[in-house]
Amino acid sequence: MGERFQLRAQPWWVNLLWVAPFLALAIWRRKRLQLSWRQLLYAALFAAGFGFVEAAVVVYLRAAVGLLPGYHGTLLDVQRMAGTTYQQAQAIGQVPQSLLTIEVMREAATMVMLLAVSLLSASGIRERWAVFLWTFALWDASYYAGLWATVRWPGSFKEFDVLFLIPQPWIAQVWFPLTVSALTIIMVLLSRSASRPVTKP
């Protein structure tokens, strides 16, 4: 809770994520995205549900390696204890290498699933890229919402987290991915065409 606000993520190239939403907007605004509200809604439902599943997996992983105190009790017990001991970024070194390998494979599988949804829900490459970013952003936000709903973590937007493990751990305060996700969602909405896209039978 007493963490200082930190502007940068580690490693340095993770900070380039700030550019992605604005670059996407610049490209998409030349020719608006042909995405219907229905496509965005269905992709959002998938992302929100999948984000909660990811949060549950992280809670189970922490419990399995003994990093989540109070999990034998009620959910309220877990929430009370996790607020002070559930430190994502610090705990990465305490997870056995075998489980870290599985975690890397799970992250890769997550990207495959988000990519598959974008390929299924849109036809043009620009629209597919937009749906991928849309679902990624909503999935990420839902992940943090799921963790907070279950174990009351993060207790602050200044908590440090391991955002990703591929190709090496990405570490930043929670506000960082949530802000990039919010900007991405806004950019997709701003780039959407006002006219209804033509759907193929």
N, C-alpha and C. Protein backbone atom coordinates (compact mmCIF):
# COMPACT_ATOMS: atom_id res chain seq x y z
N MET A 1 0.82 -1.19 0.00
CA MET A 1 0.00 0.00 0.00
C MET A 1 0.86 1.25 0.00
N GLY A 2 2.07 1.17 0.60
CA GLY A 2 2.92 2.33 0.70
C GLY A 2 3.86 2.50 -0.48
N GLU A 3 3.64 1.77 -1.58
CA GLU A 3 4.50 1.87 -2.75
C GLU A 3 4.45 3.26 -3.36
N ARG A 4 5.59 3.70 -3.88
CA ARG A 4 5.63 4.97 -4.60
C ARG A 4 5.22 4.75 -6.05
N PHE A 5 4.61 5.74 -6.62
CA PHE A 5 4.19 5.69 -8.02
C PHE A 5 5.43 5.58 -8.89
N GLN A 6 5.45 4.62 -9.80
CA GLN A 6 6.59 4.41 -10.69
C GLN A 6 6.10 4.45 -12.12
N LEU A 7 6.67 5.33 -12.90
CA LEU A 7 6.20 5.55 -14.26
C LEU A 7 6.62 4.46 -15.23
N ARG A 8 7.78 3.88 -15.01
CA ARG A 8 8.32 2.94 -16.00
C ARG A 8 8.13 1.49 -15.60
N ALA A 9 8.00 0.65 -16.64
CA ALA A 9 7.94 -0.80 -16.45
C ALA A 9 9.32 -1.37 -16.78
N GLN A 10 9.53 -2.62 -16.40
CA GLN A 10 10.79 -3.31 -16.70
C GLN A 10 10.49 -4.60 -17.45
N PRO A 11 11.29 -5.01 -18.40
CA PRO A 11 12.42 -4.31 -19.00
C PRO A 11 11.97 -3.08 -19.80
N TRP A 12 12.92 -2.28 -20.25
CA TRP A 12 12.63 -0.97 -20.85
C TRP A 12 11.66 -1.04 -22.01
N TRP A 13 11.73 -2.09 -22.84
CA TRP A 13 10.91 -2.16 -24.05
C TRP A 13 9.43 -2.39 -23.76
N VAL A 14 9.09 -2.80 -22.55
CA VAL A 14 7.67 -2.93 -22.19
C VAL A 14 6.98 -1.57 -22.24
N ASN A 15 7.74 -0.50 -21.99
CA ASN A 15 7.19 0.85 -22.02
C ASN A 15 6.72 1.26 -23.41
N LEU A 16 7.17 0.55 -24.43
CA LEU A 16 6.72 0.83 -25.80
C LEU A 16 5.24 0.51 -25.99
N LEU A 17 4.64 -0.20 -25.04
CA LEU A 17 3.21 -0.51 -25.13
C LEU A 17 2.37 0.77 -25.16
N TRP A 18 2.91 1.86 -24.60
CA TRP A 18 2.20 3.14 -24.63
C TRP A 18 1.93 3.59 -26.06
N VAL A 19 2.82 3.22 -26.97
CA VAL A 19 2.72 3.68 -28.36
C VAL A 19 1.61 2.93 -29.10
N ALA A 20 1.39 1.67 -28.76
CA ALA A 20 0.48 0.80 -29.52
C ALA A 20 -0.92 1.37 -29.72
N PRO A 21 -1.63 1.82 -28.67
CA PRO A 21 -2.99 2.33 -28.91
C PRO A 21 -3.02 3.55 -29.83
N PHE A 22 -2.05 4.45 -29.67
CA PHE A 22 -2.03 5.67 -30.48
C PHE A 22 -1.64 5.38 -31.93
N LEU A 23 -0.70 4.44 -32.12
CA LEU A 23 -0.33 4.03 -33.47
C LEU A 23 -1.51 3.36 -34.16
N ALA A 24 -2.20 2.50 -33.43
CA ALA A 24 -3.38 1.82 -33.99
C ALA A 24 -4.44 2.85 -34.39
N LEU A 25 -4.68 3.82 -33.54
CA LEU A 25 -5.68 4.86 -33.85
C LEU A 25 -5.29 5.61 -35.12
N ALA A 26 -4.03 5.95 -35.24
CA ALA A 26 -3.57 6.69 -36.43
C ALA A 26 -3.79 5.88 -37.70
N ILE A 27 -3.56 4.59 -37.63
CA ILE A 27 -3.74 3.72 -38.80
C ILE A 27 -5.22 3.50 -39.09
N TRP A 28 -6.00 3.22 -38.06
CA TRP A 28 -7.41 2.89 -38.24
C TRP A 28 -8.26 4.10 -38.63
N ARG A 29 -7.85 5.30 -38.25
CA ARG A 29 -8.68 6.47 -38.54
C ARG A 29 -8.65 6.83 -40.02
N ARG A 30 -7.62 6.41 -40.74
CA ARG A 30 -7.58 6.67 -42.19
C ARG A 30 -8.73 5.95 -42.89
N LYS A 31 -8.95 4.72 -42.48
CA LYS A 31 -10.09 3.95 -42.99
C LYS A 31 -10.70 3.27 -41.78
N ARG A 32 -11.91 3.67 -41.45
CA ARG A 32 -12.56 3.20 -40.22
C ARG A 32 -12.71 1.68 -40.18
N LEU A 33 -12.70 1.15 -38.96
CA LEU A 33 -12.88 -0.28 -38.76
C LEU A 33 -14.32 -0.68 -39.05
N GLN A 34 -14.48 -1.76 -39.74
CA GLN A 34 -15.81 -2.29 -40.05
C GLN A 34 -16.16 -3.39 -39.04
N LEU A 35 -16.47 -2.94 -37.83
CA LEU A 35 -16.82 -3.87 -36.75
C LEU A 35 -18.18 -3.46 -36.19
N SER A 36 -19.04 -4.44 -36.06
CA SER A 36 -20.37 -4.15 -35.50
C SER A 36 -20.31 -4.18 -33.98
N TRP A 37 -21.31 -3.57 -33.36
CA TRP A 37 -21.41 -3.63 -31.90
C TRP A 37 -21.55 -5.07 -31.45
N ARG A 38 -22.23 -5.88 -32.23
CA ARG A 38 -22.42 -7.28 -31.86
C ARG A 38 -21.08 -8.03 -31.82
N GLN A 39 -20.22 -7.79 -32.82
CA GLN A 39 -18.90 -8.42 -32.82
C GLN A 39 -18.10 -8.01 -31.59
N LEU A 40 -18.12 -6.72 -31.29
CA LEU A 40 -17.38 -6.24 -30.12
C LEU A 40 -17.96 -6.79 -28.83
N LEU A 41 -19.28 -6.87 -28.75
CA LEU A 41 -19.92 -7.39 -27.54
C LEU A 41 -19.55 -8.86 -27.31
N TYR A 42 -19.66 -9.69 -28.35
CA TYR A 42 -19.34 -11.11 -28.19
C TYR A 42 -17.87 -11.31 -27.82
N ALA A 43 -16.99 -10.53 -28.46
CA ALA A 43 -15.57 -10.61 -28.13
C ALA A 43 -15.34 -10.16 -26.69
N ALA A 44 -16.07 -9.13 -26.25
CA ALA A 44 -15.94 -8.63 -24.88
C ALA A 44 -16.42 -9.67 -23.87
N LEU A 45 -17.51 -10.37 -24.18
CA LEU A 45 -18.01 -11.41 -23.27
C LEU A 45 -16.98 -12.52 -23.11
N PHE A 46 -16.37 -12.93 -24.22
CA PHE A 46 -15.31 -13.93 -24.15
C PHE A 46 -14.16 -13.43 -23.29
N ALA A 47 -13.71 -12.21 -23.55
CA ALA A 47 -12.56 -11.65 -22.84
C ALA A 47 -12.83 -11.55 -21.35
N ALA A 48 -14.03 -11.10 -20.97
CA ALA A 48 -14.36 -10.94 -19.55
C ALA A 48 -14.40 -12.30 -18.85
N GLY A 49 -15.03 -13.27 -19.48
CA GLY A 49 -15.07 -14.61 -18.88
C GLY A 49 -13.70 -15.24 -18.78
N PHE A 50 -12.91 -15.09 -19.83
CA PHE A 50 -11.58 -15.67 -19.85
C PHE A 50 -10.66 -14.98 -18.85
N GLY A 51 -10.84 -13.67 -18.67
CA GLY A 51 -10.05 -12.94 -17.68
C GLY A 51 -10.27 -13.47 -16.28
N PHE A 52 -11.53 -13.78 -15.95
CA PHE A 52 -11.80 -14.34 -14.63
C PHE A 52 -11.19 -15.73 -14.48
N VAL A 53 -11.25 -16.54 -15.55
CA VAL A 53 -10.63 -17.87 -15.51
C VAL A 53 -9.13 -17.74 -15.23
N GLU A 54 -8.48 -16.78 -15.88
CA GLU A 54 -7.04 -16.56 -15.66
C GLU A 54 -6.78 -16.16 -14.21
N ALA A 55 -7.61 -15.30 -13.65
CA ALA A 55 -7.45 -14.90 -12.26
C ALA A 55 -7.58 -16.10 -11.34
N ALA A 56 -8.55 -16.95 -11.60
CA ALA A 56 -8.74 -18.15 -10.78
C ALA A 56 -7.53 -19.08 -10.87
N VAL A 57 -6.95 -19.21 -12.07
CA VAL A 57 -5.76 -20.04 -12.24
C VAL A 57 -4.61 -19.51 -11.40
N VAL A 58 -4.43 -18.19 -11.38
CA VAL A 58 -3.35 -17.59 -10.59
C VAL A 58 -3.59 -17.85 -9.10
N VAL A 59 -4.82 -17.73 -8.65
CA VAL A 59 -5.14 -18.01 -7.24
C VAL A 59 -4.82 -19.47 -6.92
N TYR A 60 -5.22 -20.39 -7.80
CA TYR A 60 -4.94 -21.82 -7.57
C TYR A 60 -3.44 -22.08 -7.54
N LEU A 61 -2.69 -21.44 -8.44
CA LEU A 61 -1.25 -21.63 -8.50
C LEU A 61 -0.61 -21.16 -7.19
N ARG A 62 -1.02 -20.00 -6.70
CA ARG A 62 -0.48 -19.47 -5.44
C ARG A 62 -0.81 -20.43 -4.29
N ALA A 63 -2.04 -20.93 -4.26
CA ALA A 63 -2.41 -21.86 -3.19
C ALA A 63 -1.61 -23.15 -3.28
N ALA A 64 -1.37 -23.64 -4.51
CA ALA A 64 -0.66 -24.91 -4.71
C ALA A 64 0.78 -24.85 -4.21
N VAL A 65 1.41 -23.69 -4.35
CA VAL A 65 2.81 -23.58 -3.92
C VAL A 65 2.95 -22.95 -2.53
N GLY A 66 1.82 -22.74 -1.84
CA GLY A 66 1.86 -22.26 -0.46
C GLY A 66 2.06 -20.76 -0.33
N LEU A 67 1.83 -20.00 -1.40
CA LEU A 67 2.02 -18.55 -1.35
C LEU A 67 0.72 -17.80 -1.06
N LEU A 68 -0.35 -18.52 -0.85
CA LEU A 68 -1.63 -17.88 -0.57
C LEU A 68 -2.14 -18.36 0.78
N PRO A 69 -1.91 -17.59 1.84
CA PRO A 69 -2.33 -18.03 3.18
C PRO A 69 -3.85 -17.98 3.34
N GLY A 70 -4.36 -18.85 4.16
CA GLY A 70 -5.77 -18.82 4.51
C GLY A 70 -6.68 -19.48 3.50
N TYR A 71 -6.13 -20.14 2.46
CA TYR A 71 -7.01 -20.68 1.42
C TYR A 71 -7.80 -21.90 1.88
N HIS A 72 -7.45 -22.46 3.03
CA HIS A 72 -8.24 -23.59 3.56
C HIS A 72 -9.53 -23.10 4.21
N GLY A 73 -9.59 -21.83 4.53
CA GLY A 73 -10.78 -21.28 5.17
C GLY A 73 -11.78 -20.78 4.14
N THR A 74 -12.53 -19.78 4.54
CA THR A 74 -13.53 -19.20 3.64
C THR A 74 -12.86 -18.19 2.72
N LEU A 75 -13.61 -17.74 1.73
CA LEU A 75 -13.08 -16.72 0.82
C LEU A 75 -12.76 -15.43 1.58
N LEU A 76 -13.55 -15.15 2.60
CA LEU A 76 -13.28 -13.97 3.42
C LEU A 76 -11.94 -14.10 4.15
N ASP A 77 -11.61 -15.30 4.62
CA ASP A 77 -10.30 -15.54 5.26
C ASP A 77 -9.17 -15.28 4.27
N VAL A 78 -9.33 -15.77 3.06
CA VAL A 78 -8.31 -15.56 2.03
C VAL A 78 -8.15 -14.07 1.75
N GLN A 79 -9.26 -13.37 1.63
CA GLN A 79 -9.21 -11.93 1.33
C GLN A 79 -8.52 -11.16 2.45
N ARG A 80 -8.80 -11.52 3.70
CA ARG A 80 -8.18 -10.82 4.83
C ARG A 80 -6.66 -10.99 4.83
N MET A 81 -6.21 -12.20 4.57
CA MET A 81 -4.79 -12.49 4.66
C MET A 81 -4.03 -12.13 3.39
N ALA A 82 -4.67 -12.25 2.25
CA ALA A 82 -3.97 -12.04 0.99
C ALA A 82 -3.58 -10.59 0.78
N GLY A 83 -4.34 -9.67 1.33
CA GLY A 83 -4.04 -8.25 1.13
C GLY A 83 -2.64 -7.86 1.57
N THR A 84 -2.11 -8.53 2.59
CA THR A 84 -0.77 -8.18 3.09
C THR A 84 0.32 -9.12 2.60
N THR A 85 -0.04 -10.31 2.13
CA THR A 85 0.99 -11.29 1.76
C THR A 85 1.00 -11.65 0.28
N TYR A 86 0.02 -11.24 -0.44
CA TYR A 86 -0.10 -11.64 -1.85
C TYR A 86 0.68 -10.66 -2.72
N GLN A 87 1.96 -10.87 -2.83
CA GLN A 87 2.84 -9.98 -3.59
C GLN A 87 3.26 -10.68 -4.88
N GLN A 88 2.61 -10.34 -5.97
CA GLN A 88 2.84 -11.00 -7.25
C GLN A 88 4.30 -10.93 -7.69
N ALA A 89 4.83 -9.72 -7.79
CA ALA A 89 6.16 -9.54 -8.36
C ALA A 89 7.24 -10.21 -7.51
N GLN A 90 7.12 -10.15 -6.19
CA GLN A 90 8.12 -10.74 -5.32
C GLN A 90 8.03 -12.27 -5.30
N ALA A 91 6.84 -12.80 -5.53
CA ALA A 91 6.64 -14.24 -5.40
C ALA A 91 7.14 -15.03 -6.60
N ILE A 92 7.45 -14.36 -7.70
CA ILE A 92 7.85 -15.09 -8.91
C ILE A 92 9.07 -15.97 -8.67
N GLY A 93 9.97 -15.52 -7.81
CA GLY A 93 11.17 -16.31 -7.50
C GLY A 93 10.90 -17.50 -6.62
N GLN A 94 9.71 -17.57 -6.00
CA GLN A 94 9.37 -18.68 -5.12
C GLN A 94 8.57 -19.78 -5.82
N VAL A 95 8.20 -19.53 -7.07
CA VAL A 95 7.45 -20.54 -7.83
C VAL A 95 8.44 -21.52 -8.43
N PRO A 96 8.24 -22.83 -8.23
CA PRO A 96 9.17 -23.83 -8.79
C PRO A 96 9.29 -23.71 -10.32
N GLN A 97 10.47 -24.01 -10.84
CA GLN A 97 10.73 -23.88 -12.27
C GLN A 97 9.75 -24.70 -13.10
N SER A 98 9.37 -25.87 -12.60
CA SER A 98 8.43 -26.71 -13.37
C SER A 98 7.09 -25.98 -13.56
N LEU A 99 6.62 -25.30 -12.52
CA LEU A 99 5.37 -24.56 -12.63
C LEU A 99 5.54 -23.30 -13.47
N LEU A 100 6.72 -22.68 -13.42
CA LEU A 100 6.98 -21.51 -14.27
C LEU A 100 6.94 -21.91 -15.75
N THR A 101 7.45 -23.09 -16.05
CA THR A 101 7.41 -23.58 -17.44
C THR A 101 5.97 -23.74 -17.89
N ILE A 102 5.14 -24.31 -17.02
CA ILE A 102 3.72 -24.46 -17.35
C ILE A 102 3.07 -23.09 -17.49
N GLU A 103 3.46 -22.14 -16.64
CA GLU A 103 2.90 -20.80 -16.70
C GLU A 103 3.24 -20.11 -18.02
N VAL A 104 4.46 -20.30 -18.50
CA VAL A 104 4.85 -19.74 -19.80
C VAL A 104 4.00 -20.37 -20.91
N MET A 105 3.79 -21.69 -20.84
CA MET A 105 2.96 -22.35 -21.85
C MET A 105 1.51 -21.87 -21.77
N ARG A 106 1.02 -21.61 -20.55
CA ARG A 106 -0.34 -21.09 -20.39
C ARG A 106 -0.46 -19.70 -21.00
N GLU A 107 0.55 -18.87 -20.81
CA GLU A 107 0.53 -17.54 -21.41
C GLU A 107 0.52 -17.63 -22.94
N ALA A 108 1.33 -18.52 -23.48
CA ALA A 108 1.35 -18.71 -24.95
C ALA A 108 -0.01 -19.19 -25.43
N ALA A 109 -0.62 -20.12 -24.69
CA ALA A 109 -1.95 -20.62 -25.05
C ALA A 109 -2.99 -19.52 -24.98
N THR A 110 -2.85 -18.61 -24.02
CA THR A 110 -3.76 -17.46 -23.91
C THR A 110 -3.69 -16.61 -25.17
N MET A 111 -2.48 -16.34 -25.65
CA MET A 111 -2.33 -15.54 -26.87
C MET A 111 -2.95 -16.25 -28.08
N VAL A 112 -2.78 -17.57 -28.13
CA VAL A 112 -3.39 -18.35 -29.23
C VAL A 112 -4.91 -18.24 -29.17
N MET A 113 -5.49 -18.32 -27.98
CA MET A 113 -6.95 -18.22 -27.84
C MET A 113 -7.46 -16.84 -28.24
N LEU A 114 -6.77 -15.78 -27.79
CA LEU A 114 -7.19 -14.43 -28.16
C LEU A 114 -7.05 -14.20 -29.66
N LEU A 115 -5.99 -14.74 -30.25
CA LEU A 115 -5.80 -14.64 -31.70
C LEU A 115 -6.90 -15.40 -32.44
N ALA A 116 -7.25 -16.60 -31.96
CA ALA A 116 -8.30 -17.40 -32.60
C ALA A 116 -9.64 -16.67 -32.58
N VAL A 117 -9.96 -16.02 -31.46
CA VAL A 117 -11.21 -15.27 -31.37
C VAL A 117 -11.22 -14.14 -32.39
N SER A 118 -10.09 -13.46 -32.54
CA SER A 118 -10.03 -12.35 -33.52
C SER A 118 -10.16 -12.86 -34.94
N LEU A 119 -9.60 -14.02 -35.22
CA LEU A 119 -9.71 -14.60 -36.57
C LEU A 119 -11.14 -15.05 -36.86
N LEU A 120 -11.83 -15.54 -35.85
CA LEU A 120 -13.21 -16.01 -36.03
C LEU A 120 -14.22 -14.88 -36.12
N SER A 121 -13.94 -13.75 -35.49
CA SER A 121 -14.97 -12.72 -35.38
C SER A 121 -14.86 -11.58 -36.37
N ALA A 122 -13.81 -11.53 -37.17
CA ALA A 122 -13.67 -10.45 -38.15
C ALA A 122 -13.04 -11.01 -39.43
N SER A 123 -13.24 -10.28 -40.53
CA SER A 123 -12.73 -10.80 -41.80
C SER A 123 -11.49 -10.07 -42.30
N GLY A 124 -11.40 -8.77 -42.16
CA GLY A 124 -10.23 -8.04 -42.64
C GLY A 124 -9.09 -8.06 -41.63
N ILE A 125 -7.87 -7.90 -42.13
CA ILE A 125 -6.71 -7.96 -41.23
C ILE A 125 -6.74 -6.83 -40.21
N ARG A 126 -7.18 -5.64 -40.61
CA ARG A 126 -7.26 -4.51 -39.67
C ARG A 126 -8.29 -4.79 -38.58
N GLU A 127 -9.43 -5.33 -38.99
CA GLU A 127 -10.48 -5.64 -38.03
C GLU A 127 -10.04 -6.77 -37.09
N ARG A 128 -9.35 -7.75 -37.64
CA ARG A 128 -8.87 -8.85 -36.80
C ARG A 128 -7.87 -8.34 -35.76
N TRP A 129 -6.98 -7.45 -36.20
CA TRP A 129 -6.00 -6.88 -35.28
C TRP A 129 -6.73 -6.07 -34.20
N ALA A 130 -7.74 -5.32 -34.60
CA ALA A 130 -8.52 -4.52 -33.64
C ALA A 130 -9.23 -5.42 -32.63
N VAL A 131 -9.82 -6.50 -33.10
CA VAL A 131 -10.52 -7.42 -32.18
C VAL A 131 -9.51 -8.08 -31.24
N PHE A 132 -8.33 -8.40 -31.75
CA PHE A 132 -7.30 -8.98 -30.88
C PHE A 132 -6.95 -8.00 -29.76
N LEU A 133 -6.68 -6.75 -30.12
CA LEU A 133 -6.33 -5.75 -29.11
C LEU A 133 -7.49 -5.49 -28.15
N TRP A 134 -8.70 -5.47 -28.70
CA TRP A 134 -9.92 -5.27 -27.90
C TRP A 134 -10.07 -6.37 -26.85
N THR A 135 -9.98 -7.63 -27.30
CA THR A 135 -10.14 -8.75 -26.37
C THR A 135 -8.97 -8.81 -25.39
N PHE A 136 -7.76 -8.51 -25.86
CA PHE A 136 -6.61 -8.52 -24.97
C PHE A 136 -6.80 -7.49 -23.85
N ALA A 137 -7.23 -6.29 -24.20
CA ALA A 137 -7.42 -5.22 -23.22
C ALA A 137 -8.51 -5.57 -22.22
N LEU A 138 -9.64 -6.09 -22.70
CA LEU A 138 -10.74 -6.45 -21.80
C LEU A 138 -10.40 -7.67 -20.95
N TRP A 139 -9.67 -8.61 -21.52
CA TRP A 139 -9.22 -9.79 -20.78
C TRP A 139 -8.31 -9.35 -19.64
N ASP A 140 -7.38 -8.43 -19.93
CA ASP A 140 -6.44 -7.96 -18.92
C ASP A 140 -7.17 -7.25 -17.78
N ALA A 141 -8.10 -6.37 -18.12
CA ALA A 141 -8.87 -5.66 -17.10
C ALA A 141 -9.71 -6.64 -16.28
N SER A 142 -10.31 -7.62 -16.93
CA SER A 142 -11.13 -8.62 -16.23
C SER A 142 -10.28 -9.49 -15.31
N TYR A 143 -9.05 -9.74 -15.72
CA TYR A 143 -8.11 -10.51 -14.89
C TYR A 143 -7.89 -9.82 -13.55
N TYR A 144 -7.59 -8.52 -13.59
CA TYR A 144 -7.37 -7.79 -12.35
C TYR A 144 -8.67 -7.66 -11.54
N ALA A 145 -9.78 -7.47 -12.23
CA ALA A 145 -11.07 -7.41 -11.53
C ALA A 145 -11.36 -8.75 -10.85
N GLY A 146 -11.03 -9.86 -11.53
CA GLY A 146 -11.23 -11.18 -10.95
C GLY A 146 -10.37 -11.42 -9.72
N LEU A 147 -9.11 -10.99 -9.78
CA LEU A 147 -8.23 -11.13 -8.62
C LEU A 147 -8.74 -10.29 -7.45
N TRP A 148 -9.17 -9.07 -7.76
CA TRP A 148 -9.66 -8.22 -6.67
C TRP A 148 -10.94 -8.81 -6.06
N ALA A 149 -11.82 -9.35 -6.91
CA ALA A 149 -13.08 -9.91 -6.41
C ALA A 149 -12.85 -11.14 -5.54
N THR A 150 -11.81 -11.91 -5.84
CA THR A 150 -11.60 -13.15 -5.10
C THR A 150 -10.67 -12.98 -3.90
N VAL A 151 -9.50 -12.36 -4.10
CA VAL A 151 -8.52 -12.28 -3.01
C VAL A 151 -8.21 -10.85 -2.59
N ARG A 152 -8.96 -9.88 -3.13
CA ARG A 152 -8.78 -8.45 -2.80
C ARG A 152 -7.37 -7.96 -3.13
N TRP A 153 -6.80 -8.52 -4.19
CA TRP A 153 -5.53 -8.02 -4.72
C TRP A 153 -5.77 -7.56 -6.14
N PRO A 154 -5.26 -6.46 -6.58
CA PRO A 154 -4.35 -5.56 -5.89
C PRO A 154 -5.07 -4.63 -4.91
N GLY A 155 -4.42 -4.32 -3.83
CA GLY A 155 -4.98 -3.40 -2.86
C GLY A 155 -4.80 -1.96 -3.28
N SER A 156 -3.94 -1.75 -4.28
CA SER A 156 -3.65 -0.41 -4.78
C SER A 156 -3.20 -0.53 -6.23
N PHE A 157 -3.42 0.51 -7.01
CA PHE A 157 -2.94 0.51 -8.40
C PHE A 157 -1.42 0.62 -8.45
N LYS A 158 -0.78 0.89 -7.31
CA LYS A 158 0.68 1.00 -7.26
C LYS A 158 1.35 -0.32 -6.91
N GLU A 159 0.56 -1.38 -6.71
CA GLU A 159 1.15 -2.71 -6.45
C GLU A 159 1.92 -3.16 -7.68
N PHE A 160 3.05 -3.83 -7.46
CA PHE A 160 3.82 -4.36 -8.58
C PHE A 160 3.28 -5.72 -8.98
N ASP A 161 3.35 -6.00 -10.28
CA ASP A 161 2.87 -7.27 -10.81
C ASP A 161 3.81 -7.77 -11.89
N VAL A 162 3.80 -9.07 -12.09
CA VAL A 162 4.49 -9.66 -13.24
C VAL A 162 3.44 -9.72 -14.34
N LEU A 163 3.59 -8.88 -15.35
CA LEU A 163 2.58 -8.78 -16.40
C LEU A 163 2.62 -9.96 -17.35
N PHE A 164 3.82 -10.41 -17.64
CA PHE A 164 4.00 -11.46 -18.63
C PHE A 164 5.36 -12.09 -18.39
N LEU A 165 5.55 -13.31 -18.84
CA LEU A 165 6.83 -14.00 -18.65
C LEU A 165 7.60 -14.21 -19.94
N ILE A 166 6.99 -13.93 -21.09
CA ILE A 166 7.61 -14.22 -22.39
C ILE A 166 8.17 -12.93 -22.99
N PRO A 167 9.41 -12.83 -23.39
CA PRO A 167 10.50 -13.81 -23.26
C PRO A 167 11.19 -13.76 -21.90
N GLN A 168 10.88 -12.71 -21.10
CA GLN A 168 11.39 -12.59 -19.74
C GLN A 168 10.32 -11.86 -18.93
N PRO A 169 10.40 -11.90 -17.60
CA PRO A 169 9.35 -11.25 -16.81
C PRO A 169 9.21 -9.75 -17.09
N TRP A 170 7.96 -9.33 -17.34
CA TRP A 170 7.62 -7.91 -17.50
C TRP A 170 7.07 -7.47 -16.14
N ILE A 171 7.68 -6.46 -15.54
CA ILE A 171 7.24 -6.02 -14.21
C ILE A 171 6.86 -4.55 -14.24
N ALA A 172 5.68 -4.26 -13.70
CA ALA A 172 5.19 -2.88 -13.64
C ALA A 172 4.14 -2.79 -12.54
N GLN A 173 3.83 -1.57 -12.16
CA GLN A 173 2.72 -1.38 -11.24
C GLN A 173 1.41 -1.62 -11.99
N VAL A 174 0.39 -2.01 -11.26
CA VAL A 174 -0.88 -2.42 -11.86
C VAL A 174 -1.52 -1.32 -12.70
N TRP A 175 -1.31 -0.06 -12.35
CA TRP A 175 -1.91 1.03 -13.13
C TRP A 175 -1.43 0.99 -14.58
N PHE A 176 -0.21 0.51 -14.81
CA PHE A 176 0.39 0.52 -16.15
C PHE A 176 -0.42 -0.30 -17.15
N PRO A 177 -0.63 -1.63 -16.90
CA PRO A 177 -1.40 -2.40 -17.87
C PRO A 177 -2.87 -1.95 -17.95
N LEU A 178 -3.43 -1.52 -16.82
CA LEU A 178 -4.83 -1.08 -16.85
C LEU A 178 -5.00 0.19 -17.68
N THR A 179 -4.03 1.09 -17.61
CA THR A 179 -4.11 2.32 -18.40
C THR A 179 -3.93 2.02 -19.88
N VAL A 180 -2.96 1.18 -20.21
CA VAL A 180 -2.76 0.80 -21.62
C VAL A 180 -4.00 0.10 -22.16
N SER A 181 -4.60 -0.77 -21.34
CA SER A 181 -5.83 -1.47 -21.76
C SER A 181 -6.97 -0.49 -21.99
N ALA A 182 -7.14 0.46 -21.07
CA ALA A 182 -8.22 1.45 -21.22
C ALA A 182 -8.01 2.29 -22.48
N LEU A 183 -6.77 2.71 -22.73
CA LEU A 183 -6.48 3.47 -23.95
C LEU A 183 -6.78 2.65 -25.20
N THR A 184 -6.44 1.38 -25.17
CA THR A 184 -6.69 0.50 -26.31
C THR A 184 -8.18 0.37 -26.59
N ILE A 185 -8.98 0.18 -25.55
CA ILE A 185 -10.43 0.07 -25.70
C ILE A 185 -10.98 1.36 -26.32
N ILE A 186 -10.53 2.49 -25.81
CA ILE A 186 -11.00 3.79 -26.33
C ILE A 186 -10.62 3.95 -27.80
N MET A 187 -9.38 3.58 -28.16
CA MET A 187 -8.93 3.74 -29.54
C MET A 187 -9.73 2.85 -30.50
N VAL A 188 -10.06 1.65 -30.08
CA VAL A 188 -10.88 0.78 -30.94
C VAL A 188 -12.25 1.41 -31.15
N LEU A 189 -12.85 1.91 -30.08
CA LEU A 189 -14.17 2.54 -30.20
C LEU A 189 -14.12 3.79 -31.07
N LEU A 190 -13.09 4.59 -30.94
CA LEU A 190 -12.97 5.80 -31.74
C LEU A 190 -12.73 5.51 -33.22
N SER A 191 -12.16 4.34 -33.51
CA SER A 191 -11.80 3.99 -34.89
C SER A 191 -12.90 3.24 -35.62
N ARG A 192 -13.95 2.91 -34.91
CA ARG A 192 -15.03 2.13 -35.50
C ARG A 192 -15.85 2.99 -36.44
N SER A 193 -16.24 2.42 -37.57
CA SER A 193 -17.07 3.14 -38.54
C SER A 193 -18.47 3.33 -37.98
N ALA A 194 -19.07 4.47 -38.30
CA ALA A 194 -20.44 4.75 -37.85
C ALA A 194 -21.45 3.93 -38.63
N SER A 195 -21.09 3.57 -39.86
CA SER A 195 -22.02 2.76 -40.67
C SER A 195 -21.88 1.30 -40.30
N ARG A 196 -22.93 0.54 -40.56
CA ARG A 196 -22.92 -0.88 -40.22
C ARG A 196 -22.07 -1.64 -41.22
N PRO A 197 -21.20 -2.54 -40.74
CA PRO A 197 -20.39 -3.32 -41.66
C PRO A 197 -21.23 -4.30 -42.45
N VAL A 198 -20.78 -4.58 -43.66
CA VAL A 198 -21.48 -5.56 -44.47
C VAL A 198 -21.10 -6.94 -43.98
N THR A 199 -22.09 -7.76 -43.62
CA THR A 199 -21.80 -9.12 -43.15
C THR A 199 -22.09 -10.10 -44.24
N LYS A 200 -21.22 -11.08 -44.36
CA LYS A 200 -21.41 -12.12 -45.37
C LYS A 200 -22.36 -13.17 -44.87
N PRO A 201 -23.22 -13.70 -45.77
CA PRO A 201 -24.18 -14.73 -45.33
C PRO A 201 -23.48 -16.03 -44.99
